[in-house]
Protein backbone atom coordinates (compact mmCIF):
# COMPACT_ATOMS: atom_id res chain seq x y z
CA MET A 1 -0.39 -0.26 0.00
CA SER A 2 1.40 3.47 -0.66
CA SER A 3 1.56 6.44 1.57
CA LYS A 4 -1.67 7.98 0.04
CA ASP A 5 -3.37 4.67 0.91
CA TYR A 6 -2.52 4.88 4.40
CA GLU A 7 -3.86 8.30 5.03
CA LEU A 8 -7.11 7.85 3.62
CA ARG A 9 -7.30 4.87 5.92
CA GLU A 10 -6.06 7.02 8.74
CA THR A 11 -9.02 9.72 7.81
CA ASN A 12 -11.85 7.72 7.55
CA GLN A 13 -10.80 5.37 10.67
CA ASN A 14 -10.69 9.03 12.78
CA LYS A 15 -14.43 9.95 10.72
CA SER A 16 -15.59 6.42 11.60
CA GLU A 17 -14.40 7.40 16.17
CA ASP A 18 -15.51 10.79 15.74
CA SER A 19 -19.82 9.62 14.71
CA SER A 20 -19.64 6.81 16.66
CA SER A 21 -18.17 8.60 19.75
CA SER A 22 -20.99 11.77 18.53
CA PHE A 23 -23.88 8.54 18.22
CA LEU A 24 -22.74 7.88 22.23
CA LEU A 25 -23.02 11.53 23.20
CA GLY A 26 -26.27 11.82 21.65
CA ALA A 27 -27.58 8.88 23.22
CA LEU A 28 -26.88 9.54 26.42
CA VAL A 29 -27.78 13.00 25.75
CA GLY A 30 -31.33 11.35 24.85
CA GLY A 31 -31.48 9.73 28.07
CA LEU A 32 -30.69 11.99 30.21
CA VAL A 33 -33.81 14.17 28.62
CA GLY A 34 -36.00 11.65 28.42
CA ALA A 35 -35.61 10.22 32.07
CA ALA A 36 -36.03 13.59 33.28
CA ALA A 37 -39.34 14.92 30.96
CA ALA A 38 -40.54 11.07 31.88
CA ILE A 39 -39.82 11.97 36.26
CA PHE A 40 -41.76 15.87 35.65
CA LEU A 41 -44.48 14.91 33.64
CA ALA A 42 -45.64 11.64 35.32
CA PRO A 43 -49.55 12.40 36.55
CA LYS A 44 -47.73 10.35 40.15
CA THR A 45 -47.10 11.73 42.98
CA GLY A 46 -42.94 11.25 44.02
CA ARG A 47 -43.48 8.78 46.63
CA GLU A 48 -46.17 7.34 44.25
CA LEU A 49 -43.42 6.91 41.60
CA ARG A 50 -40.51 6.13 44.47
CA SER A 51 -42.77 2.77 45.33
CA THR A 52 -44.31 1.64 41.69
CA LEU A 53 -40.19 1.61 40.82
CA ASN A 54 -39.22 0.03 43.56
CA ASN A 55 -42.11 -2.89 42.45
CA GLN A 56 -41.08 -2.95 39.36
CA ALA A 57 -37.17 -3.35 40.27
CA GLY A 58 -38.31 -6.51 42.47
CA ALA A 59 -40.45 -8.18 40.22
CA ILE A 60 -37.85 -7.64 37.28
CA LYS A 61 -34.94 -9.20 39.66
CA GLU A 62 -37.32 -11.83 40.76
CA LYS A 63 -38.15 -13.54 37.21
CA THR A 64 -33.90 -12.37 36.69
CA VAL A 65 -33.48 -14.60 39.51
CA GLN A 66 -35.80 -17.54 38.67
CA LEU A 67 -34.40 -17.28 35.16
CA MET A 68 -30.65 -17.43 35.62
CA ASN A 69 -31.86 -21.09 38.49
CA LYS A 70 -33.77 -22.33 34.91
CA THR A 71 -30.58 -22.38 32.93
CA LYS A 72 -27.81 -23.48 35.43
CA ALA A 73 -29.41 -26.79 35.57
CA PRO A 74 -27.14 -29.06 36.91
CA VAL A 75 -24.13 -30.86 34.69
CA ASP A 76 -23.95 -34.22 35.55
CA VAL A 77 -20.77 -35.62 34.44
CA GLU A 78 -20.58 -39.43 34.25
CA GLU A 79 -16.82 -40.49 34.30
CA ASP A 80 -17.57 -42.42 30.66
CA ASN A 81 -18.37 -39.87 28.55
CA TYR A 82 -15.57 -37.26 28.82
CA ILE A 83 -12.38 -37.78 27.20
CA PRO A 84 -9.07 -36.48 29.88
CA ILE A 85 -7.16 -33.76 28.00
CA GLY A 86 -3.43 -35.83 29.05
CA GLY A 87 -2.83 -39.14 30.77
CA VAL A 88 -3.96 -42.33 30.36
CA PRO A 89 -7.33 -43.26 28.85
CA LYS A 90 -9.43 -45.52 31.18
CA ALA A 91 -9.61 -48.56 29.19
CA ALA A 92 -9.27 -48.71 25.03
CA SER A 93 -12.54 -51.16 24.48
CA GLU A 94 -14.74 -48.57 25.77
CA ASP A 95 -13.85 -45.78 23.74
CA SER A 96 -15.79 -44.89 20.59
CA ALA A 97 -13.80 -44.00 17.13
CA ASP A 98 -14.15 -40.77 17.79
CA GLU A 99 -13.24 -40.40 21.20
CA LEU A 100 -9.42 -42.47 19.60
CA SER A 101 -9.46 -40.06 17.07
CA ILE A 102 -9.94 -36.94 19.14
CA ARG A 103 -7.11 -37.93 21.22
CA LYS A 104 -5.03 -38.65 18.92
CA LYS A 105 -5.21 -35.44 17.44
CA LEU A 106 -4.84 -33.98 21.03
CA GLU A 107 -1.52 -35.99 21.49
CA GLU A 108 -0.42 -34.64 17.82
CA ALA A 109 -1.50 -30.88 18.42
CA LYS A 110 0.38 -31.74 21.98
CA LYS A 111 3.63 -32.81 20.29
CA ALA A 112 3.14 -29.92 17.78
CA PHE A 113 3.19 -27.16 20.45
CA ASP A 114 5.92 -28.33 23.13
CA GLU A 115 7.80 -28.57 19.82
CA GLU A 116 7.09 -25.47 18.68
CA GLU A 117 7.37 -23.86 22.68
CA ASN A 118 11.00 -25.56 22.75
CA LYS A 119 11.60 -23.65 19.20
CA VAL A 120 10.87 -20.97 20.62
CA THR A 121 12.60 -20.94 24.39
CA HIS A 122 15.69 -22.55 22.74
């Protein structure tokens, strides 16, 4: 690439960064103005508004906890269903062909990694 291409790329990147920061600033200001308008134009008193907000926040918190509990299903790992990385496999007769090929590839990758690490450090 020529120096002109680099300058053009840098100019375009600066414009992109400027427009991103302008958008974020506009979104922040718009959010603040909207929140202020909602508070001042609310038909409820301050006490009622705070009570409603607290109730809604509590409901959202409860729903979040329920959702977290649903997604945190207990994970029961049977020892026959995992492939140990490094170390000796349990019994070759129990393993399927896929598990054997995966173990072989992992060993090859480990060996290649060790060779490259040895080249870099020595």
